[in-house]
Amino acid sequence: MTEKVILEKIKNIVTPYVQRKEGLENFDEKTDFLTDLKINSANLVDVILDVEDEFNIEIDNTSMEGMLTAGDAKRIILIKMEN
């Protein structure tokens, strides 16, 4: 799975939780879930659960705390998929 495909899947996962739709227009690795997309912290947990389901991985609490941007999410997904 390419990094581009992973980013597209992340975008699809976060879209239902986005409060600031303009943030999706330039979605890339630098997109911040909290500031750019205005995803609240409760919905961020839902995003994590959806990522786990989509990629068939388990994200530990330490990794979860570091998943603030799309790039962070992609990096963590790649690491977890290797294990």
N, C-alpha and C. Protein backbone atom coordinates (compact mmCIF):
# COMPACT_ATOMS: atom_id res chain seq x y z
N MET A 1 0.85 -1.17 0.00
CA MET A 1 0.00 0.00 0.00
C MET A 1 0.90 1.24 0.00
N THR A 2 0.64 2.15 -0.93
CA THR A 2 1.48 3.34 -1.04
C THR A 2 1.10 4.37 0.02
N GLU A 3 2.03 5.30 0.26
CA GLU A 3 1.77 6.36 1.22
C GLU A 3 0.61 7.24 0.76
N LYS A 4 0.49 7.42 -0.55
CA LYS A 4 -0.60 8.23 -1.10
C LYS A 4 -1.95 7.56 -0.81
N VAL A 5 -2.03 6.26 -0.97
CA VAL A 5 -3.26 5.52 -0.69
C VAL A 5 -3.60 5.62 0.79
N ILE A 6 -2.59 5.51 1.64
CA ILE A 6 -2.81 5.62 3.08
C ILE A 6 -3.38 7.00 3.42
N LEU A 7 -2.81 8.06 2.85
CA LEU A 7 -3.32 9.41 3.12
C LEU A 7 -4.75 9.58 2.63
N GLU A 8 -5.08 9.00 1.49
CA GLU A 8 -6.46 9.07 0.98
C GLU A 8 -7.43 8.35 1.94
N LYS A 9 -7.00 7.21 2.44
CA LYS A 9 -7.84 6.47 3.39
C LYS A 9 -8.02 7.26 4.69
N ILE A 10 -6.96 7.91 5.14
CA ILE A 10 -7.06 8.73 6.35
C ILE A 10 -8.05 9.87 6.12
N LYS A 11 -7.95 10.50 4.95
CA LYS A 11 -8.88 11.60 4.62
C LYS A 11 -10.32 11.10 4.64
N ASN A 12 -10.56 9.95 4.06
CA ASN A 12 -11.91 9.38 4.05
C ASN A 12 -12.39 9.06 5.46
N ILE A 13 -11.50 8.60 6.31
CA ILE A 13 -11.85 8.26 7.69
C ILE A 13 -12.23 9.51 8.48
N VAL A 14 -11.44 10.58 8.35
CA VAL A 14 -11.68 11.78 9.17
C VAL A 14 -12.84 12.64 8.66
N THR A 15 -13.18 12.54 7.39
CA THR A 15 -14.19 13.41 6.79
C THR A 15 -15.49 13.51 7.58
N PRO A 16 -16.09 12.41 8.07
CA PRO A 16 -17.35 12.55 8.81
C PRO A 16 -17.23 13.33 10.12
N TYR A 17 -16.03 13.46 10.64
CA TYR A 17 -15.82 14.10 11.95
C TYR A 17 -15.35 15.56 11.83
N VAL A 18 -15.10 16.01 10.61
CA VAL A 18 -14.54 17.35 10.39
C VAL A 18 -15.59 18.43 10.64
N GLN A 19 -15.22 19.42 11.44
CA GLN A 19 -16.09 20.57 11.70
C GLN A 19 -15.76 21.73 10.78
N ARG A 20 -14.54 21.75 10.26
CA ARG A 20 -14.09 22.82 9.36
C ARG A 20 -13.76 22.19 8.01
N LYS A 21 -14.77 22.13 7.15
CA LYS A 21 -14.65 21.43 5.86
C LYS A 21 -13.58 22.04 4.95
N GLU A 22 -13.29 23.34 5.10
CA GLU A 22 -12.27 23.97 4.26
C GLU A 22 -10.91 23.30 4.48
N GLY A 23 -10.72 22.74 5.65
CA GLY A 23 -9.46 22.07 5.97
C GLY A 23 -9.21 20.85 5.10
N LEU A 24 -10.26 20.29 4.52
CA LEU A 24 -10.10 19.11 3.67
C LEU A 24 -9.61 19.47 2.27
N GLU A 25 -9.78 20.73 1.86
CA GLU A 25 -9.43 21.13 0.49
C GLU A 25 -7.95 20.94 0.20
N ASN A 26 -7.10 21.22 1.17
CA ASN A 26 -5.65 21.07 0.97
C ASN A 26 -5.10 19.98 1.87
N PHE A 27 -5.85 18.91 2.02
CA PHE A 27 -5.46 17.82 2.91
C PHE A 27 -4.13 17.22 2.48
N ASP A 28 -3.16 17.24 3.40
CA ASP A 28 -1.87 16.62 3.14
C ASP A 28 -1.27 16.19 4.47
N GLU A 29 0.00 15.82 4.46
CA GLU A 29 0.64 15.32 5.67
C GLU A 29 0.68 16.34 6.79
N LYS A 30 0.65 17.62 6.46
CA LYS A 30 0.73 18.67 7.47
C LYS A 30 -0.63 19.01 8.08
N THR A 31 -1.70 18.47 7.53
CA THR A 31 -3.03 18.78 8.04
C THR A 31 -3.16 18.33 9.49
N ASP A 32 -3.49 19.28 10.35
CA ASP A 32 -3.64 19.02 11.78
C ASP A 32 -5.10 18.74 12.07
N PHE A 33 -5.35 17.60 12.72
CA PHE A 33 -6.73 17.18 12.98
C PHE A 33 -7.47 18.17 13.88
N LEU A 34 -6.79 18.73 14.86
CA LEU A 34 -7.44 19.62 15.81
C LEU A 34 -7.58 21.05 15.29
N THR A 35 -6.51 21.61 14.76
CA THR A 35 -6.57 23.02 14.35
C THR A 35 -7.09 23.22 12.93
N ASP A 36 -6.64 22.41 11.98
CA ASP A 36 -7.07 22.59 10.59
C ASP A 36 -8.47 22.05 10.32
N LEU A 37 -8.78 20.92 10.94
CA LEU A 37 -10.06 20.26 10.67
C LEU A 37 -11.08 20.44 11.79
N LYS A 38 -10.62 20.94 12.93
CA LYS A 38 -11.49 21.16 14.10
C LYS A 38 -12.21 19.90 14.55
N ILE A 39 -11.50 18.77 14.51
CA ILE A 39 -12.05 17.52 15.04
C ILE A 39 -11.89 17.57 16.55
N ASN A 40 -12.99 17.37 17.28
CA ASN A 40 -12.88 17.46 18.74
C ASN A 40 -12.25 16.18 19.30
N SER A 41 -11.78 16.27 20.53
CA SER A 41 -11.01 15.17 21.12
C SER A 41 -11.83 13.89 21.24
N ALA A 42 -13.13 13.99 21.48
CA ALA A 42 -13.96 12.79 21.55
C ALA A 42 -14.02 12.09 20.19
N ASN A 43 -14.16 12.88 19.14
CA ASN A 43 -14.20 12.29 17.80
C ASN A 43 -12.84 11.78 17.35
N LEU A 44 -11.77 12.33 17.93
CA LEU A 44 -10.44 11.84 17.61
C LEU A 44 -10.30 10.37 18.01
N VAL A 45 -10.94 9.99 19.10
CA VAL A 45 -10.95 8.58 19.52
C VAL A 45 -11.66 7.74 18.47
N ASP A 46 -12.77 8.25 17.93
CA ASP A 46 -13.47 7.54 16.86
C ASP A 46 -12.60 7.39 15.63
N VAL A 47 -11.83 8.42 15.31
CA VAL A 47 -10.91 8.36 14.18
C VAL A 47 -9.90 7.24 14.40
N ILE A 48 -9.35 7.17 15.61
CA ILE A 48 -8.36 6.13 15.93
C ILE A 48 -8.98 4.74 15.75
N LEU A 49 -10.18 4.56 16.26
CA LEU A 49 -10.86 3.26 16.14
C LEU A 49 -11.11 2.91 14.67
N ASP A 50 -11.52 3.91 13.89
CA ASP A 50 -11.75 3.68 12.45
C ASP A 50 -10.45 3.34 11.72
N VAL A 51 -9.35 4.00 12.11
CA VAL A 51 -8.04 3.70 11.51
C VAL A 51 -7.65 2.26 11.84
N GLU A 52 -7.85 1.86 13.10
CA GLU A 52 -7.53 0.49 13.49
C GLU A 52 -8.31 -0.51 12.65
N ASP A 53 -9.59 -0.25 12.45
CA ASP A 53 -10.43 -1.16 11.65
C ASP A 53 -10.00 -1.19 10.19
N GLU A 54 -9.78 -0.01 9.62
CA GLU A 54 -9.44 0.09 8.20
C GLU A 54 -8.12 -0.60 7.86
N PHE A 55 -7.13 -0.45 8.74
CA PHE A 55 -5.79 -0.96 8.45
C PHE A 55 -5.47 -2.25 9.22
N ASN A 56 -6.43 -2.74 10.00
CA ASN A 56 -6.28 -3.98 10.76
C ASN A 56 -5.02 -3.92 11.64
N ILE A 57 -4.92 -2.82 12.41
CA ILE A 57 -3.79 -2.62 13.31
C ILE A 57 -4.32 -2.24 14.69
N GLU A 58 -3.44 -2.24 15.67
CA GLU A 58 -3.80 -1.78 17.01
C GLU A 58 -2.88 -0.61 17.37
N ILE A 59 -3.50 0.49 17.78
CA ILE A 59 -2.74 1.69 18.10
C ILE A 59 -2.72 1.86 19.62
N ASP A 60 -1.52 1.82 20.19
CA ASP A 60 -1.38 1.96 21.64
C ASP A 60 -1.55 3.42 22.05
N ASN A 61 -1.71 3.65 23.35
CA ASN A 61 -1.96 5.00 23.86
C ASN A 61 -0.85 5.98 23.52
N THR A 62 0.40 5.53 23.57
CA THR A 62 1.52 6.42 23.26
C THR A 62 1.44 6.88 21.80
N SER A 63 1.17 5.95 20.91
CA SER A 63 1.03 6.29 19.49
C SER A 63 -0.17 7.20 19.27
N MET A 64 -1.25 6.91 19.99
CA MET A 64 -2.48 7.68 19.85
C MET A 64 -2.23 9.15 20.20
N GLU A 65 -1.47 9.39 21.25
CA GLU A 65 -1.18 10.76 21.68
C GLU A 65 -0.35 11.52 20.65
N GLY A 66 0.41 10.80 19.86
CA GLY A 66 1.25 11.43 18.86
C GLY A 66 0.61 11.57 17.50
N MET A 67 -0.65 11.21 17.39
CA MET A 67 -1.34 11.23 16.10
C MET A 67 -2.16 12.51 15.97
N LEU A 68 -1.46 13.61 15.69
CA LEU A 68 -2.13 14.91 15.62
C LEU A 68 -2.28 15.44 14.20
N THR A 69 -1.45 14.93 13.29
CA THR A 69 -1.54 15.35 11.89
C THR A 69 -1.74 14.11 11.01
N ALA A 70 -2.11 14.36 9.76
CA ALA A 70 -2.27 13.26 8.82
C ALA A 70 -0.93 12.54 8.61
N GLY A 71 0.16 13.30 8.61
CA GLY A 71 1.49 12.70 8.47
C GLY A 71 1.84 11.82 9.65
N ASP A 72 1.49 12.27 10.86
CA ASP A 72 1.71 11.44 12.06
C ASP A 72 0.94 10.13 11.93
N ALA A 73 -0.32 10.25 11.51
CA ALA A 73 -1.16 9.07 11.37
C ALA A 73 -0.57 8.10 10.35
N LYS A 74 -0.13 8.64 9.21
CA LYS A 74 0.46 7.79 8.16
C LYS A 74 1.69 7.07 8.68
N ARG A 75 2.56 7.81 9.38
CA ARG A 75 3.79 7.22 9.91
C ARG A 75 3.48 6.09 10.90
N ILE A 76 2.54 6.32 11.79
CA ILE A 76 2.17 5.31 12.78
C ILE A 76 1.55 4.09 12.10
N ILE A 77 0.70 4.33 11.12
CA ILE A 77 0.08 3.22 10.38
C ILE A 77 1.15 2.37 9.70
N LEU A 78 2.11 3.03 9.05
CA LEU A 78 3.18 2.29 8.37
C LEU A 78 3.98 1.44 9.36
N ILE A 79 4.30 2.02 10.51
CA ILE A 79 5.06 1.28 11.53
C ILE A 79 4.26 0.08 12.02
N LYS A 80 2.97 0.30 12.31
CA LYS A 80 2.14 -0.79 12.85
C LYS A 80 1.91 -1.88 11.80
N MET A 81 1.84 -1.50 10.53
CA MET A 81 1.61 -2.50 9.49
C MET A 81 2.85 -3.37 9.27
N GLU A 82 4.03 -2.85 9.62
CA GLU A 82 5.26 -3.61 9.47
C GLU A 82 5.39 -4.69 10.54
N ASN A 83 4.79 -4.42 11.70
CA ASN A 83 4.92 -5.37 12.84
C ASN A 83 3.97 -6.53 12.73
